Protein backbone atom coordinates (compact mmCIF):
# COMPACT_ATOMS: atom_id res chain seq x y z
CA MET A 1 10.79 -25.36 -5.93
CA SER A 2 11.90 -22.95 -2.79
CA THR A 3 10.11 -19.68 -1.86
CA LEU A 4 12.17 -16.55 -1.27
CA SER A 5 11.00 -12.99 0.06
CA LEU A 6 12.89 -9.81 0.23
CA LEU A 7 13.86 -7.50 2.64
CA ILE A 8 14.83 -3.82 1.07
CA LYS A 9 16.08 -1.08 4.11
CA ASN A 10 17.68 1.62 2.47
CA GLU A 11 17.23 3.73 -0.47
CA PRO A 12 17.25 2.89 -4.04
CA SER A 13 21.16 4.40 -4.14
CA VAL A 14 22.74 2.48 -1.37
CA THR A 15 20.03 -0.96 -2.23
CA SER A 16 20.53 -1.41 -5.71
CA ALA A 17 21.35 -4.90 -5.81
CA ALA A 18 18.43 -5.73 -4.95
CA PHE A 19 16.61 -5.16 -7.60
CA ARG A 20 19.65 -7.00 -10.34
CA PHE A 21 19.14 -9.68 -7.18
CA ALA A 22 15.47 -10.68 -7.43
CA ASN A 23 15.57 -10.23 -11.63
CA ALA A 24 18.22 -12.41 -11.11
CA SER A 25 16.55 -15.31 -9.22
CA SER A 26 13.26 -14.89 -11.53
CA ASN A 27 15.86 -17.28 -13.86
CA THR A 28 15.30 -19.73 -11.37
CA ASP A 29 13.14 -22.30 -9.85
CA THR A 30 12.67 -20.41 -6.60
CA ARG A 31 9.72 -18.69 -6.48
CA MET A 32 9.65 -14.45 -5.30
CA GLN A 33 6.76 -14.88 -1.70
CA CYS A 34 6.84 -10.64 -0.84
CA VAL A 35 9.41 -7.43 -1.70
CA PHE A 36 8.76 -6.32 2.06
CA PHE A 37 10.14 -2.57 1.88
CA TYR A 38 11.52 -0.53 5.22
CA GLY A 39 12.82 2.60 6.53
CA ARG A 40 14.52 4.54 3.79
CA GLY A 41 14.25 1.09 1.28
CA VAL A 42 9.89 2.49 1.35
CA LEU A 43 11.93 5.28 -1.22
CA HIS A 44 12.41 1.92 -4.09
CA ALA A 45 8.44 2.54 -4.02
CA THR A 46 9.80 6.27 -5.70
CA GLY A 47 10.63 7.32 -8.85
CA ARG A 48 12.08 4.91 -11.28
CA GLN A 49 12.26 2.17 -9.38
CA LYS A 50 8.90 2.15 -8.60
CA GLN A 51 8.20 1.28 -12.20
CA TYR A 52 10.45 -1.22 -12.22
CA TRP A 53 9.51 -3.20 -9.47
CA SER A 54 5.44 -2.47 -10.48
CA ASP A 55 6.67 -4.77 -13.81
CA TRP A 56 9.08 -6.57 -11.99
CA ALA A 57 6.55 -8.10 -8.98
CA ARG A 58 3.67 -8.67 -12.16
CA SER A 59 5.69 -11.09 -14.08
CA VAL A 60 7.06 -13.10 -11.07
CA GLY A 61 3.69 -12.66 -9.53
CA ALA A 62 5.02 -11.42 -5.92
CA ARG A 63 3.76 -9.56 -3.89
CA LEU A 64 5.58 -5.87 -2.76
CA VAL A 65 4.88 -3.96 0.59
CA LEU A 66 5.60 -0.80 2.12
CA CYS A 67 5.94 -0.88 5.92
CA SER A 68 2.99 1.36 6.96
CA ALA A 69 5.25 3.55 8.97
CA SER A 70 8.09 3.79 6.42
CA ALA A 71 5.00 4.56 4.24
CA GLU A 72 3.53 7.47 6.94
CA THR A 73 7.46 8.62 7.48
CA PHE A 74 7.77 9.45 3.64
CA GLY A 75 4.06 10.37 1.99
CA LEU A 76 3.31 7.48 0.02
CA THR A 77 0.43 5.09 -0.01
CA ALA A 78 -1.13 2.51 -1.59
CA ASP A 79 -1.52 1.70 -5.26
CA GLU A 80 -1.88 -1.05 -8.14
CA ASP A 81 1.47 -2.44 -7.02
CA PHE A 82 2.46 -1.60 -3.81
CA SER A 83 0.44 -2.05 0.15
CA VAL A 84 1.40 -0.43 3.37
CA GLU A 85 1.29 -3.73 5.99
CA GLY A 86 2.59 -3.58 9.13
CA LEU A 87 5.69 -5.47 10.33
CA GLY A 88 3.37 -8.60 10.31
CA GLU A 89 3.16 -8.86 7.72
CA LEU A 90 7.08 -8.97 7.44
CA LEU A 91 6.85 -11.75 9.62
CA GLU A 92 4.54 -13.39 8.11
CA ALA A 93 6.82 -13.83 5.46
CA GLY A 94 10.06 -14.92 7.35
CA LEU A 95 7.39 -17.56 8.29
CA THR A 96 6.52 -18.45 4.97
CA SER A 97 9.03 -18.28 3.02
CA GLY A 98 12.18 -20.83 2.72
CA LYS A 99 14.92 -18.36 2.93
CA VAL A 100 14.39 -14.07 3.58
CA VAL A 101 17.61 -11.86 2.21
CA SER A 102 18.07 -8.39 4.18
CA PHE A 103 19.43 -5.65 1.73
CA GLY A 104 20.63 -2.31 3.47
């Protein structure tokens, strides 16, 4: 089984394909490990997108991580579904996943 992580760098209106990709990958033998939201990508953790990502992550066992500097810029905090971590978490996802797919 291969592993995959996602890097999402833009707001939901620009990177709406990211969720469709993540959802489609759930139906394969690829295990989604981590979704790292960077820059304006942290806005996926707001509004109705937040619920989509939360439900999806629970169903596949993926970690949802907001970049700490970006989260601070937009006034977002960690909750039960989204953690707030530094860029080291993105580096770790890159080192431990078979592939990292970037959106934005």
